Amino acid sequence: MARSTIQDVAKLAGVSEATVSRALRGLTNVAPATRERVEAAAAELRFTLSKSASSLASGKTHRILLLVSGGLNNWFNSSVLQGAIEILSPEGYDIVPSFVTNRAELSQLIETLPSNRDVDAIIVTSFTLDAAFRTALASLDMPLVGINNPDIEGLDASVRIDDLEGMRQAVQLLHSLGHERLAYIGNLIPPDLDYSTDLRGEGFHKTALELGYDEGNLYISPPDEANQFRPTPEIARRNVAALLAAPQRPTGVCVQTDEMAVHILNELRRQHIQVPEQMSLIGFDDNPFAEIQDMTTIHQDPVMLGREASRLVLDLLRGKPLDDPHITIPTTPVLRGTTGVPTDRN
């Protein structure tokens, strides 16, 4: 059976081909009764307007660029993508993921956007856009929405968690359990981009000092190289060795991410350190591995972040005023089996 054409729909509906195009693209200059007739004819003939044809006619691509660091094998990135798909796909938008790991790759991507003009909006996750990048993107005159960006300057809208407050919750939990010596493991060296996770170390240190800990009872891991900003068992081994060699061994440990915390937990067990009896451990993110390992953590929901950012994108594309363009979603502690009262306070 031959595939139906726009001419077939126009003939069946008794309208022009231009009217079919306008009706199926959802434009407002079509009478409701005419739109219904066109949609019924298109449904009967199983005809859909191609996105390429619609894009040429409207100047819109119905594609949204999702700019992330790393790849989709990352729990956070894949969860954000899932949330974006849930909101944008039913509205006829495709999500185009693009991956950068350093400033050079980001610069190259931004340089190609003005000539391609193949997206209608951009979602940027987790890292800061500096002044030069913000200026370049602003010249494109398209919505720019952020997810978990340390700095929201230059963004039309954003949704984020409060990384400082999340780590504050972790430190307060260990303090309430009676831990007198604390450690923070993180500070992986990112490839010259500023990430929201960097704020967690700042939150740890600031909160610990506010609660009365002195520097002698705090251990903060030194910067460490990582493969594409991802922790490894070797990094965990070095950090655990430093913890165990400390003159005042910490009894409570906060870790920048669950992904790193799982490696730390495995290494502590390999060194026959009882968790939580000898050392309590708190991760951050509440990814699936935290639940599998029964690990205490700080919960965030990247699927929700992806949904909320996508709703903001749609509102901006439709010219809808935003009640609150910059949204903060609270984090919550999740108590599991890796935290407890310290058995050794000496």
C-alpha atoms as a PDB file:
ATOM      1  CA  MET A   1       0.000   0.000   0.000  1.00  0.00           C
ATOM      2  CA  ALA A   2       1.376   3.397  -1.014  1.00  0.00           C
ATOM      3  CA  ARG A   3       2.280   5.780   1.777  1.00  0.00           C
ATOM      4  CA  SER A   4      -0.171   8.657   2.235  1.00  0.00           C
ATOM      5  CA  THR A   5       0.955  12.159   1.345  1.00  0.00           C
ATOM      6  CA  ILE A   6       0.038  15.640   2.489  1.00  0.00           C
ATOM      7  CA  GLN A   7      -1.890  15.991  -0.773  1.00  0.00           C
ATOM      8  CA  ASP A   8      -4.036  12.982   0.195  1.00  0.00           C
ATOM      9  CA  VAL A   9      -4.836  14.530   3.574  1.00  0.00           C
ATOM     10  CA  ALA A  10      -5.696  17.878   1.992  1.00  0.00           C
ATOM     11  CA  LYS A  11      -8.044  16.209  -0.505  1.00  0.00           C
ATOM     12  CA  LEU A  12      -9.813  14.144   2.165  1.00  0.00           C
ATOM     13  CA  ALA A  13     -10.187  17.107   4.535  1.00  0.00           C
ATOM     14  CA  GLY A  14     -11.213  19.495   1.748  1.00  0.00           C
ATOM     15  CA  VAL A  15      -8.509  22.052   2.518  1.00  0.00           C
ATOM     16  CA  SER A  16      -5.250  23.272   1.037  1.00  0.00           C
ATOM     17  CA  GLU A  17      -1.903  21.605   1.671  1.00  0.00           C
ATOM     18  CA  ALA A  18      -0.761  24.739   3.506  1.00  0.00           C
ATOM     19  CA  THR A  19      -3.716  24.423   5.880  1.00  0.00           C
ATOM     20  CA  VAL A  20      -2.821  20.787   6.552  1.00  0.00           C
ATOM     21  CA  SER A  21       0.728  21.841   7.387  1.00  0.00           C
ATOM     22  CA  ARG A  22      -0.420  24.627   9.708  1.00  0.00           C
ATOM     23  CA  ALA A  23      -2.969  22.403  11.457  1.00  0.00           C
ATOM     24  CA  LEU A  24      -0.584  19.518  12.052  1.00  0.00           C
ATOM     25  CA  ARG A  25       2.123  21.872  13.316  1.00  0.00           C
ATOM     26  CA  GLY A  26      -0.279  23.228  15.924  1.00  0.00           C
ATOM     27  CA  LEU A  27      -0.259  26.801  14.646  1.00  0.00           C
ATOM     28  CA  THR A  28      -3.005  29.060  15.953  1.00  0.00           C
ATOM     29  CA  ASN A  29      -4.200  30.485  12.627  1.00  0.00           C
ATOM     30  CA  VAL A  30      -6.422  27.477  11.895  1.00  0.00           C
ATOM     31  CA  ALA A  31     -10.094  27.320  12.847  1.00  0.00           C
ATOM     32  CA  PRO A  32     -10.855  24.620  15.461  1.00  0.00           C
ATOM     33  CA  ALA A  33     -13.329  22.832  13.194  1.00  0.00           C
ATOM     34  CA  THR A  34     -10.834  22.825  10.335  1.00  0.00           C
ATOM     35  CA  ARG A  35      -8.094  21.520  12.613  1.00  0.00           C
ATOM     36  CA  GLU A  36     -10.339  18.660  13.756  1.00  0.00           C
ATOM     37  CA  ARG A  37     -11.141  17.783  10.136  1.00  0.00           C
ATOM     38  CA  VAL A  38      -7.462  17.758   9.187  1.00  0.00           C
ATOM     39  CA  GLU A  39      -6.459  15.682  12.217  1.00  0.00           C
ATOM     40  CA  ALA A  40      -9.230  13.171  11.512  1.00  0.00           C
ATOM     41  CA  ALA A  41      -8.135  12.860   7.885  1.00  0.00           C
ATOM     42  CA  ALA A  42      -4.490  12.441   8.901  1.00  0.00           C
ATOM     43  CA  ALA A  43      -5.439   9.752  11.420  1.00  0.00           C
ATOM     44  CA  GLU A  44      -7.552   7.897   8.863  1.00  0.00           C
ATOM     45  CA  LEU A  45      -4.701   7.939   6.359  1.00  0.00           C
ATOM     46  CA  ARG A  46      -2.066   7.262   9.025  1.00  0.00           C
ATOM     47  CA  PHE A  47      -0.184  10.355   7.929  1.00  0.00           C
ATOM     48  CA  THR A  48       2.305  12.230  10.091  1.00  0.00           C
ATOM     49  CA  LEU A  49       4.080  15.438   9.177  1.00  0.00           C
ATOM     50  CA  SER A  50       7.819  14.835   9.016  1.00  0.00           C
ATOM     51  CA  LYS A  51       9.935  16.779  11.480  1.00  0.00           C
ATOM     52  CA  SER A  52      12.224  17.958   8.713  1.00  0.00           C
ATOM     53  CA  ALA A  53       9.324  19.466   6.800  1.00  0.00           C
ATOM     54  CA  SER A  54       7.933  21.025   9.936  1.00  0.00           C
ATOM     55  CA  SER A  55      11.338  22.444  10.834  1.00  0.00           C
ATOM     56  CA  LEU A  56      11.804  24.043   7.431  1.00  0.00           C
ATOM     57  CA  ALA A  57       8.389  25.653   7.623  1.00  0.00           C
ATOM     58  CA  SER A  58       8.541  26.849  11.220  1.00  0.00           C
ATOM     59  CA  GLY A  59      12.231  27.540  11.747  1.00  0.00           C
ATOM     60  CA  LYS A  60      12.068  25.195  14.742  1.00  0.00           C
ATOM     61  CA  THR A  61      13.967  21.926  14.936  1.00  0.00           C
ATOM     62  CA  HIS A  62      12.106  20.310  17.847  1.00  0.00           C
ATOM     63  CA  ARG A  63      15.471  19.227  19.211  1.00  0.00           C
ATOM     64  CA  ILE A  64      16.864  20.090  22.636  1.00  0.00           C
ATOM     65  CA  LEU A  65      20.595  19.883  23.319  1.00  0.00           C
ATOM     66  CA  LEU A  66      21.474  18.192  26.624  1.00  0.00           C
ATOM     67  CA  LEU A  67      25.039  19.178  27.451  1.00  0.00           C
ATOM     68  CA  VAL A  68      26.658  16.859  29.992  1.00  0.00           C
ATOM     69  CA  SER A  69      30.122  16.029  31.253  1.00  0.00           C
ATOM     70  CA  GLY A  70      31.204  12.461  30.636  1.00  0.00           C
ATOM     71  CA  GLY A  71      28.815   9.958  29.092  1.00  0.00           C
ATOM     72  CA  LEU A  72      25.492   8.222  29.614  1.00  0.00           C
ATOM     73  CA  ASN A  73      27.141   5.378  31.547  1.00  0.00           C
ATOM     74  CA  ASN A  74      27.073   7.870  34.420  1.00  0.00           C
ATOM     75  CA  TRP A  75      24.093   7.372  36.782  1.00  0.00           C
ATOM     76  CA  PHE A  76      23.368  11.082  37.119  1.00  0.00           C
ATOM     77  CA  ASN A  77      23.497  11.834  33.389  1.00  0.00           C
ATOM     78  CA  SER A  78      21.368   8.865  32.362  1.00  0.00           C
ATOM     79  CA  SER A  79      18.790   9.732  35.039  1.00  0.00           C
ATOM     80  CA  VAL A  80      18.601  13.370  33.887  1.00  0.00           C
ATOM     81  CA  LEU A  81      18.120  12.144  30.313  1.00  0.00           C
ATOM     82  CA  GLN A  82      15.304   9.846  31.438  1.00  0.00           C
ATOM     83  CA  GLY A  83      13.514  12.750  33.119  1.00  0.00           C
ATOM     84  CA  ALA A  84      13.958  14.963  30.057  1.00  0.00           C
ATOM     85  CA  ILE A  85      12.580  12.301  27.729  1.00  0.00           C
ATOM     86  CA  GLU A  86       9.507  11.832  29.932  1.00  0.00           C
ATOM     87  CA  ILE A  87       8.568  15.508  29.547  1.00  0.00           C
ATOM     88  CA  LEU A  88       9.885  16.500  26.121  1.00  0.00           C
ATOM     89  CA  SER A  89       9.112  13.451  23.987  1.00  0.00           C
ATOM     90  CA  PRO A  90       5.304  13.664  24.418  1.00  0.00           C
ATOM     91  CA  GLU A  91       5.579  17.287  23.254  1.00  0.00           C
ATOM     92  CA  GLY A  92       7.312  16.226  20.044  1.00  0.00           C
ATOM     93  CA  TYR A  93      10.878  17.108  21.018  1.00  0.00           C
ATOM     94  CA  ASP A  94      13.969  14.962  20.567  1.00  0.00           C
ATOM     95  CA  ILE A  95      16.791  15.190  23.111  1.00  0.00           C
ATOM     96  CA  VAL A  96      20.298  15.362  21.663  1.00  0.00           C
ATOM     97  CA  PRO A  97      22.946  14.484  24.285  1.00  0.00           C
ATOM     98  CA  SER A  98      26.371  16.023  23.796  1.00  0.00           C
ATOM     99  CA  PHE A  99      29.350  15.139  25.965  1.00  0.00           C
ATOM    100  CA  VAL A 100      32.259  17.339  26.991  1.00  0.00           C
ATOM    101  CA  THR A 101      35.074  16.629  29.436  1.00  0.00           C
ATOM    102  CA  ASN A 102      37.099  19.841  29.273  1.00  0.00           C
ATOM    103  CA  ARG A 103      37.064  23.471  28.201  1.00  0.00           C
ATOM    104  CA  ALA A 104      38.512  22.743  24.765  1.00  0.00           C
ATOM    105  CA  GLU A 105      35.675  20.367  23.898  1.00  0.00           C
ATOM    106  CA  LEU A 106      33.108  22.821  25.244  1.00  0.00           C
ATOM    107  CA  SER A 107      34.611  25.646  23.163  1.00  0.00           C
ATOM    108  CA  GLN A 108      34.530  23.521  20.030  1.00  0.00           C
ATOM    109  CA  LEU A 109      30.886  22.611  20.588  1.00  0.00           C
ATOM    110  CA  ILE A 110      29.793  26.197  21.186  1.00  0.00           C
ATOM    111  CA  GLU A 111      31.665  27.395  18.091  1.00  0.00           C
ATOM    112  CA  THR A 112      29.653  25.028  15.875  1.00  0.00           C
ATOM    113  CA  LEU A 113      26.225  25.946  17.241  1.00  0.00           C
ATOM    114  CA  PRO A 114      25.707  29.293  15.428  1.00  0.00           C
ATOM    115  CA  SER A 115      26.327  27.743  11.991  1.00  0.00           C
ATOM    116  CA  ASN A 116      24.285  24.597  12.640  1.00  0.00           C
ATOM    117  CA  ARG A 117      21.315  26.145  14.474  1.00  0.00           C
ATOM    118  CA  ASP A 118      19.985  22.616  14.817  1.00  0.00           C
ATOM    119  CA  VAL A 119      18.509  22.879  18.325  1.00  0.00           C
ATOM    120  CA  ASP A 120      15.811  25.065  19.878  1.00  0.00           C
ATOM    121  CA  ALA A 121      17.159  25.171  23.446  1.00  0.00           C
ATOM    122  CA  ILE A 122      20.089  23.999  25.557  1.00  0.00           C
ATOM    123  CA  ILE A 123      20.162  22.259  28.943  1.00  0.00           C
ATOM    124  CA  VAL A 124      23.545  22.385  30.708  1.00  0.00           C
ATOM    125  CA  THR A 125      24.197  19.999  33.599  1.00  0.00           C
ATOM    126  CA  SER A 126      26.471  20.222  36.622  1.00  0.00           C
ATOM    127  CA  PHE A 127      29.221  22.607  35.524  1.00  0.00           C
ATOM    128  CA  THR A 128      29.624  26.375  35.335  1.00  0.00           C
ATOM    129  CA  LEU A 129      29.676  28.328  32.099  1.00  0.00           C
ATOM    130  CA  ASP A 130      32.210  31.126  32.351  1.00  0.00           C
ATOM    131  CA  ALA A 131      31.672  34.615  30.901  1.00  0.00           C
ATOM    132  CA  ALA A 132      33.021  33.786  27.437  1.00  0.00           C
ATOM    133  CA  PHE A 133      30.773  30.751  27.063  1.00  0.00           C
ATOM    134  CA  ARG A 134      27.743  32.634  28.390  1.00  0.00           C
ATOM    135  CA  THR A 135      28.299  35.435  25.872  1.00  0.00           C
ATOM    136  CA  ALA A 136      28.611  32.979  22.987  1.00  0.00           C
ATOM    137  CA  LEU A 137      25.435  31.130  23.947  1.00  0.00           C
ATOM    138  CA  ALA A 138      23.478  34.343  24.561  1.00  0.00           C
ATOM    139  CA  SER A 139      24.159  35.359  20.951  1.00  0.00           C
ATOM    140  CA  LEU A 140      22.209  32.291  19.784  1.00  0.00           C
ATOM    141  CA  ASP A 141      18.994  33.742  21.214  1.00  0.00           C
ATOM    142  CA  MET A 142      17.632  30.434  22.484  1.00  0.00           C
ATOM    143  CA  PRO A 143      16.606  29.294  25.991  1.00  0.00           C
ATOM    144  CA  LEU A 144      19.491  28.205  28.206  1.00  0.00           C
ATOM    145  CA  VAL A 145      18.481  26.132  31.240  1.00  0.00           C
ATOM    146  CA  GLY A 146      20.805  24.703  33.881  1.00  0.00           C
ATOM    147  CA  ILE A 147      20.755  21.649  36.129  1.00  0.00           C
ATOM    148  CA  ASN A 148      22.889  21.651  39.295  1.00  0.00           C
ATOM    149  CA  ASN A 149      25.142  24.474  38.109  1.00  0.00           C
ATOM    150  CA  PRO A 150      27.435  26.070  40.719  1.00  0.00           C
ATOM    151  CA  ASP A 151      26.802  29.491  39.150  1.00  0.00           C
ATOM    152  CA  ILE A 152      23.450  30.383  37.551  1.00  0.00           C
ATOM    153  CA  GLU A 153      24.583  33.672  36.005  1.00  0.00           C
ATOM    154  CA  GLY A 154      23.611  33.826  32.342  1.00  0.00           C
ATOM    155  CA  LEU A 155      21.031  31.044  32.620  1.00  0.00           C
ATOM    156  CA  ASP A 156      17.425  31.818  31.679  1.00  0.00           C
ATOM    157  CA  ALA A 157      16.259  29.285  34.253  1.00  0.00           C
ATOM    158  CA  SER A 158      17.694  26.513  36.396  1.00  0.00           C
ATOM    159  CA  VAL A 159      16.893  23.719  38.795  1.00  0.00           C
ATOM    160  CA  ARG A 160      19.377  22.493  41.355  1.00  0.00           C
ATOM    161  CA  ILE A 161      19.966  20.851  44.674  1.00  0.00           C
ATOM    162  CA  ASP A 162      21.794  22.683  47.445  1.00  0.00           C
ATOM    163  CA  ASP A 163      25.116  20.813  47.595  1.00  0.00           C
ATOM    164  CA  LEU A 164      26.299  22.894  50.549  1.00  0.00           C
ATOM    165  CA  GLU A 165      23.173  22.078  52.550  1.00  0.00           C
ATOM    166  CA  GLY A 166      23.327  18.415  51.569  1.00  0.00           C
ATOM    167  CA  MET A 167      26.827  18.026  52.975  1.00  0.00           C
ATOM    168  CA  ARG A 168      25.796  20.045  56.008  1.00  0.00           C
ATOM    169  CA  GLN A 169      23.160  17.385  56.676  1.00  0.00           C
ATOM    170  CA  ALA A 170      25.819  14.667  56.465  1.00  0.00           C
ATOM    171  CA  VAL A 171      28.162  16.403  58.922  1.00  0.00           C
ATOM    172  CA  GLN A 172      25.328  17.171  61.318  1.00  0.00           C
ATOM    173  CA  LEU A 173      24.318  13.505  61.302  1.00  0.00           C
ATOM    174  CA  LEU A 174      27.814  12.336  62.245  1.00  0.00           C
ATOM    175  CA  HIS A 175      28.028  15.050  64.882  1.00  0.00           C
ATOM    176  CA  SER A 176      24.706  13.970  66.404  1.00  0.00           C
ATOM    177  CA  LEU A 177      26.011  10.394  66.660  1.00  0.00           C
ATOM    178  CA  GLY A 178      28.989  11.574  68.700  1.00  0.00           C
ATOM    179  CA  HIS A 179      31.799  11.419  66.161  1.00  0.00           C
ATOM    180  CA  GLU A 180      34.645  13.678  67.257  1.00  0.00           C
ATOM    181  CA  ARG A 181      37.040  13.131  64.328  1.00  0.00           C
ATOM    182  CA  LEU A 182      35.718  13.532  60.810  1.00  0.00           C
ATOM    183  CA  ALA A 183      37.042  13.076  57.297  1.00  0.00           C
ATOM    184  CA  TYR A 184      35.976  14.176  53.836  1.00  0.00           C
ATOM    185  CA  ILE A 185      36.980  12.220  50.751  1.00  0.00           C
ATOM    186  CA  GLY A 186      36.487  13.857  47.404  1.00  0.00           C
ATOM    187  CA  ASN A 187      38.416  16.548  45.607  1.00  0.00           C
ATOM    188  CA  LEU A 188      38.904  14.559  42.434  1.00  0.00           C
ATOM    189  CA  ILE A 189      40.560  16.812  39.890  1.00  0.00           C
ATOM    190  CA  PRO A 190      38.009  17.675  37.185  1.00  0.00           C
ATOM    191  CA  PRO A 191      39.295  18.455  33.702  1.00  0.00           C
ATOM    192  CA  ASP A 192      39.348  22.272  34.124  1.00  0.00           C
ATOM    193  CA  LEU A 193      35.594  22.781  34.532  1.00  0.00           C
ATOM    194  CA  ASP A 194      33.899  23.905  37.764  1.00  0.00           C
ATOM    195  CA  TYR A 195      31.404  21.332  39.042  1.00  0.00           C
ATOM    196  CA  SER A 196      28.567  21.523  41.548  1.00  0.00           C
ATOM    197  CA  THR A 197      30.054  18.584  43.473  1.00  0.00           C
ATOM    198  CA  ASP A 198      33.027  20.799  44.358  1.00  0.00           C
ATOM    199  CA  LEU A 199      30.694  22.665  46.728  1.00  0.00           C
ATOM    200  CA  ARG A 200      30.318  19.560  48.890  1.00  0.00           C
ATOM    201  CA  GLY A 201      33.862  19.805  50.229  1.00  0.00           C
ATOM    202  CA  GLU A 202      33.241  23.440  51.076  1.00  0.00           C
ATOM    203  CA  GLY A 203      30.031  22.465  52.864  1.00  0.00           C
ATOM    204  CA  PHE A 204      31.839  19.795  54.880  1.00  0.00           C
ATOM    205  CA  HIS A 205      34.591  22.113  56.084  1.00  0.00           C
ATOM    206  CA  LYS A 206      32.344  25.072  56.856  1.00  0.00           C
ATOM    207  CA  THR A 207      29.804  22.998  58.789  1.00  0.00           C
ATOM    208  CA  ALA A 208      32.445  21.134  60.785  1.00  0.00           C
ATOM    209  CA  LEU A 209      34.021  24.402  61.933  1.00  0.00           C
ATOM    210  CA  GLU A 210      30.612  25.842  62.820  1.00  0.00           C
ATOM    211  CA  LEU A 211      29.914  22.773  64.974  1.00  0.00           C
ATOM    212  CA  GLY A 212      33.143  23.294  66.915  1.00  0.00           C
ATOM    213  CA  TYR A 213      35.537  20.843  65.276  1.00  0.00           C
ATOM    214  CA  ASP A 214      39.106  22.105  65.079  1.00  0.00           C
ATOM    215  CA  GLU A 215      41.384  21.474  62.124  1.00  0.00           C
ATOM    216  CA  GLY A 216      43.308  18.814  64.047  1.00  0.00           C
ATOM    217  CA  ASN A 217      40.198  16.631  64.157  1.00  0.00           C
ATOM    218  CA  LEU A 218      39.406  17.019  60.470  1.00  0.00           C
ATOM    219  CA  TYR A 219      40.931  15.189  57.525  1.00  0.00           C
ATOM    220  CA  ILE A 220      40.236  16.401  53.981  1.00  0.00           C
ATOM    221  CA  SER A 221      41.621  14.293  51.166  1.00  0.00           C
ATOM    222  CA  PRO A 222      44.112  15.966  48.822  1.00  0.00           C
ATOM    223  CA  PRO A 223      43.259  16.388  45.130  1.00  0.00           C
ATOM    224  CA  ASP A 224      43.593  13.178  43.164  1.00  0.00           C
ATOM    225  CA  GLU A 225      43.617  12.366  39.486  1.00  0.00           C
ATOM    226  CA  ALA A 226      40.660  10.391  38.137  1.00  0.00           C
ATOM    227  CA  ASN A 227      39.811   8.738  34.871  1.00  0.00           C
ATOM    228  CA  GLN A 228      37.294  11.132  33.270  1.00  0.00           C
ATOM    229  CA  PHE A 229      36.374  12.512  36.683  1.00  0.00           C
ATOM    230  CA  ARG A 230      35.313   9.062  37.910  1.00  0.00           C
ATOM    231  CA  PRO A 231      36.633   7.385  41.066  1.00  0.00           C
ATOM    232  CA  THR A 232      38.533   4.125  40.905  1.00  0.00           C
ATOM    233  CA  PRO A 233      39.464   1.365  43.383  1.00  0.00           C
ATOM    234  CA  GLU A 234      43.051   2.630  43.300  1.00  0.00           C
ATOM    235  CA  ILE A 235      41.970   6.104  44.418  1.00  0.00           C
ATOM    236  CA  ALA A 236      39.955   4.474  47.202  1.00  0.00           C
ATOM    237  CA  ARG A 237      42.981   2.454  48.321  1.00  0.00           C
ATOM    238  CA  ARG A 238      45.121   5.581  48.576  1.00  0.00           C
ATOM    239  CA  ASN A 239      42.467   7.458  50.519  1.00  0.00           C
ATOM    240  CA  VAL A 240      41.773   4.627  52.955  1.00  0.00           C
ATOM    241  CA  ALA A 241      45.511   4.156  53.538  1.00  0.00           C
ATOM    242  CA  ALA A 242      45.746   7.857  54.434  1.00  0.00           C
ATOM    243  CA  LEU A 243      42.757   7.582  56.797  1.00  0.00           C
ATOM    244  CA  LEU A 244      44.210   4.603  58.621  1.00  0.00           C
ATOM    245  CA  ALA A 245      47.643   6.231  58.900  1.00  0.00           C
ATOM    246  CA  ALA A 246      46.308   9.478  60.389  1.00  0.00           C
ATOM    247  CA  PRO A 247      47.594  10.210  63.937  1.00  0.00           C
ATOM    248  CA  GLN A 248      44.002  10.867  64.980  1.00  0.00           C
ATOM    249  CA  ARG A 249      42.092   8.299  62.945  1.00  0.00           C
ATOM    250  CA  PRO A 250      38.663   9.651  61.883  1.00  0.00           C
ATOM    251  CA  THR A 251      35.607   7.698  62.986  1.00  0.00           C
ATOM    252  CA  GLY A 252      33.136   9.439  60.668  1.00  0.00           C
ATOM    253  CA  VAL A 253      33.703   9.835  56.922  1.00  0.00           C
ATOM    254  CA  CYS A 254      31.752  11.901  54.383  1.00  0.00           C
ATOM    255  CA  VAL A 255      32.343  11.082  50.721  1.00  0.00           C
ATOM    256  CA  GLN A 256      31.708  13.364  47.756  1.00  0.00           C
ATOM    257  CA  THR A 257      29.638  10.829  45.787  1.00  0.00           C
ATOM    258  CA  ASP A 258      28.106   7.404  46.298  1.00  0.00           C
ATOM    259  CA  GLU A 259      30.200   6.108  43.427  1.00  0.00           C
ATOM    260  CA  MET A 260      33.353   6.947  45.369  1.00  0.00           C
ATOM    261  CA  ALA A 261      31.820   5.890  48.696  1.00  0.00           C
ATOM    262  CA  VAL A 262      31.179   2.355  47.427  1.00  0.00           C
ATOM    263  CA  HIS A 263      34.876   2.004  46.569  1.00  0.00           C
ATOM    264  CA  ILE A 264      35.819   3.384  50.003  1.00  0.00           C
ATOM    265  CA  LEU A 265      33.427   0.972  51.723  1.00  0.00           C
ATOM    266  CA  ASN A 266      34.849  -2.003  49.850  1.00  0.00           C
ATOM    267  CA  GLU A 267      38.410  -0.971  50.707  1.00  0.00           C
ATOM    268  CA  LEU A 268      37.558  -0.502  54.407  1.00  0.00           C
ATOM    269  CA  ARG A 269      36.149  -4.016  54.479  1.00  0.00           C
ATOM    270  CA  ARG A 270      39.244  -5.309  52.686  1.00  0.00           C
ATOM    271  CA  GLN A 271      41.324  -3.730  55.461  1.00  0.00           C
ATOM    272  CA  HIS A 272      39.089  -5.432  58.076  1.00  0.00           C
ATOM    273  CA  ILE A 273      37.663  -2.122  59.338  1.00  0.00           C
ATOM    274  CA  GLN A 274      34.207  -2.688  60.766  1.00  0.00           C
ATOM    275  CA  VAL A 275      31.590  -0.315  59.361  1.00  0.00           C
ATOM    276  CA  PRO A 276      29.927   1.367  61.203  1.00  0.00           C
ATOM    277  CA  GLU A 277      31.420   0.086  64.491  1.00  0.00           C
ATOM    278  CA  GLN A 278      34.934   1.388  63.839  1.00  0.00           C
ATOM    279  CA  MET A 279      34.199   3.895  61.101  1.00  0.00           C
ATOM    280  CA  SER A 280      30.909   5.394  59.889  1.00  0.00           C
ATOM    281  CA  LEU A 281      30.504   6.261  56.225  1.00  0.00           C
ATOM    282  CA  ILE A 282      28.095   8.605  54.410  1.00  0.00           C
ATOM    283  CA  GLY A 283      27.841   8.934  50.646  1.00  0.00           C
ATOM    284  CA  PHE A 284      26.039  11.532  48.564  1.00  0.00           C
ATOM    285  CA  ASP A 285      23.475  11.063  45.742  1.00  0.00           C
ATOM    286  CA  ASP A 286      21.478   7.953  46.756  1.00  0.00           C
ATOM    287  CA  ASN A 287      22.201   6.117  43.537  1.00  0.00           C
ATOM    288  CA  PRO A 288      21.161   2.437  43.236  1.00  0.00           C
ATOM    289  CA  PHE A 289      24.515   1.163  44.536  1.00  0.00           C
ATOM    290  CA  ALA A 290      23.963   2.964  47.843  1.00  0.00           C
ATOM    291  CA  GLU A 291      20.800   0.973  48.477  1.00  0.00           C
ATOM    292  CA  ILE A 292      22.434  -2.291  47.396  1.00  0.00           C
ATOM    293  CA  GLN A 293      25.308  -1.662  49.837  1.00  0.00           C
ATOM    294  CA  ASP A 294      22.919  -0.529  52.618  1.00  0.00           C
ATOM    295  CA  MET A 295      24.878   2.717  52.697  1.00  0.00           C
ATOM    296  CA  THR A 296      23.780   5.894  54.449  1.00  0.00           C
ATOM    297  CA  THR A 297      23.686   8.761  51.974  1.00  0.00           C
ATOM    298  CA  ILE A 298      22.198  12.113  51.013  1.00  0.00           C
ATOM    299  CA  HIS A 299      19.342  11.757  48.547  1.00  0.00           C
ATOM    300  CA  GLN A 300      18.890  13.695  45.338  1.00  0.00           C
ATOM    301  CA  ASP A 301      16.612  12.824  42.404  1.00  0.00           C
ATOM    302  CA  PRO A 302      18.203  13.542  39.000  1.00  0.00           C
ATOM    303  CA  VAL A 303      15.156  12.185  37.160  1.00  0.00           C
ATOM    304  CA  MET A 304      13.115  14.930  38.823  1.00  0.00           C
ATOM    305  CA  LEU A 305      15.803  17.471  37.942  1.00  0.00           C
ATOM    306  CA  GLY A 306      15.552  16.420  34.295  1.00  0.00           C
ATOM    307  CA  ARG A 307      11.771  16.727  34.366  1.00  0.00           C
ATOM    308  CA  GLU A 308      11.771  20.159  36.003  1.00  0.00           C
ATOM    309  CA  ALA A 309      14.438  21.525  33.664  1.00  0.00           C
ATOM    310  CA  SER A 310      12.451  20.276  30.676  1.00  0.00           C
ATOM    311  CA  ARG A 311       9.280  21.947  31.926  1.00  0.00           C
ATOM    312  CA  LEU A 312      11.229  25.186  32.212  1.00  0.00           C
ATOM    313  CA  VAL A 313      12.480  24.734  28.638  1.00  0.00           C
ATOM    314  CA  LEU A 314       8.936  24.261  27.341  1.00  0.00           C
ATOM    315  CA  ASP A 315       7.671  27.328  29.190  1.00  0.00           C
ATOM    316  CA  LEU A 316      10.502  29.445  27.780  1.00  0.00           C
ATOM    317  CA  LEU A 317       9.939  28.183  24.233  1.00  0.00           C
ATOM    318  CA  ARG A 318       6.243  29.048  24.536  1.00  0.00           C
ATOM    319  CA  GLY A 319       6.977  32.495  25.908  1.00  0.00           C
ATOM    320  CA  LYS A 320       5.283  31.705  29.194  1.00  0.00           C
ATOM    321  CA  PRO A 321       6.355  33.871  32.167  1.00  0.00           C
ATOM    322  CA  LEU A 322       8.144  31.861  34.859  1.00  0.00           C
ATOM    323  CA  ASP A 323       6.907  32.254  38.433  1.00  0.00           C
ATOM    324  CA  ASP A 324      10.298  31.135  39.728  1.00  0.00           C
ATOM    325  CA  PRO A 325      13.000  30.683  37.080  1.00  0.00           C
ATOM    326  CA  HIS A 326      15.571  29.308  39.537  1.00  0.00           C
ATOM    327  CA  ILE A 327      14.339  26.334  41.565  1.00  0.00           C
ATOM    328  CA  THR A 328      16.134  24.612  44.455  1.00  0.00           C
ATOM    329  CA  ILE A 329      15.045  21.084  45.401  1.00  0.00           C
ATOM    330  CA  PRO A 330      15.908  19.971  48.964  1.00  0.00           C
ATOM    331  CA  THR A 331      18.185  17.029  49.698  1.00  0.00           C
ATOM    332  CA  THR A 332      17.309  14.508  52.411  1.00  0.00           C
ATOM    333  CA  PRO A 333      19.475  12.148  54.500  1.00  0.00           C
ATOM    334  CA  VAL A 334      18.776   8.440  54.008  1.00  0.00           C
ATOM    335  CA  LEU A 335      19.807   6.450  57.080  1.00  0.00           C
ATOM    336  CA  ARG A 336      21.073   2.946  56.396  1.00  0.00           C
ATOM    337  CA  GLY A 337      23.619   0.564  57.836  1.00  0.00           C
ATOM    338  CA  THR A 338      26.935   2.375  57.447  1.00  0.00           C
ATOM    339  CA  THR A 339      26.482   4.971  60.211  1.00  0.00           C
ATOM    340  CA  GLY A 340      26.282   4.534  63.954  1.00  0.00           C
ATOM    341  CA  VAL A 341      27.602   5.647  67.326  1.00  0.00           C
ATOM    342  CA  PRO A 342      31.417   5.370  67.428  1.00  0.00           C
ATOM    343  CA  THR A 343      32.677   2.567  69.662  1.00  0.00           C
ATOM    344  CA  ASP A 344      36.103   4.171  70.086  1.00  0.00           C
ATOM    345  CA  ARG A 345      36.086   7.846  71.099  1.00  0.00           C
ATOM    346  CA  ASN A 346      39.772   7.943  72.026  1.00  0.00           C
END
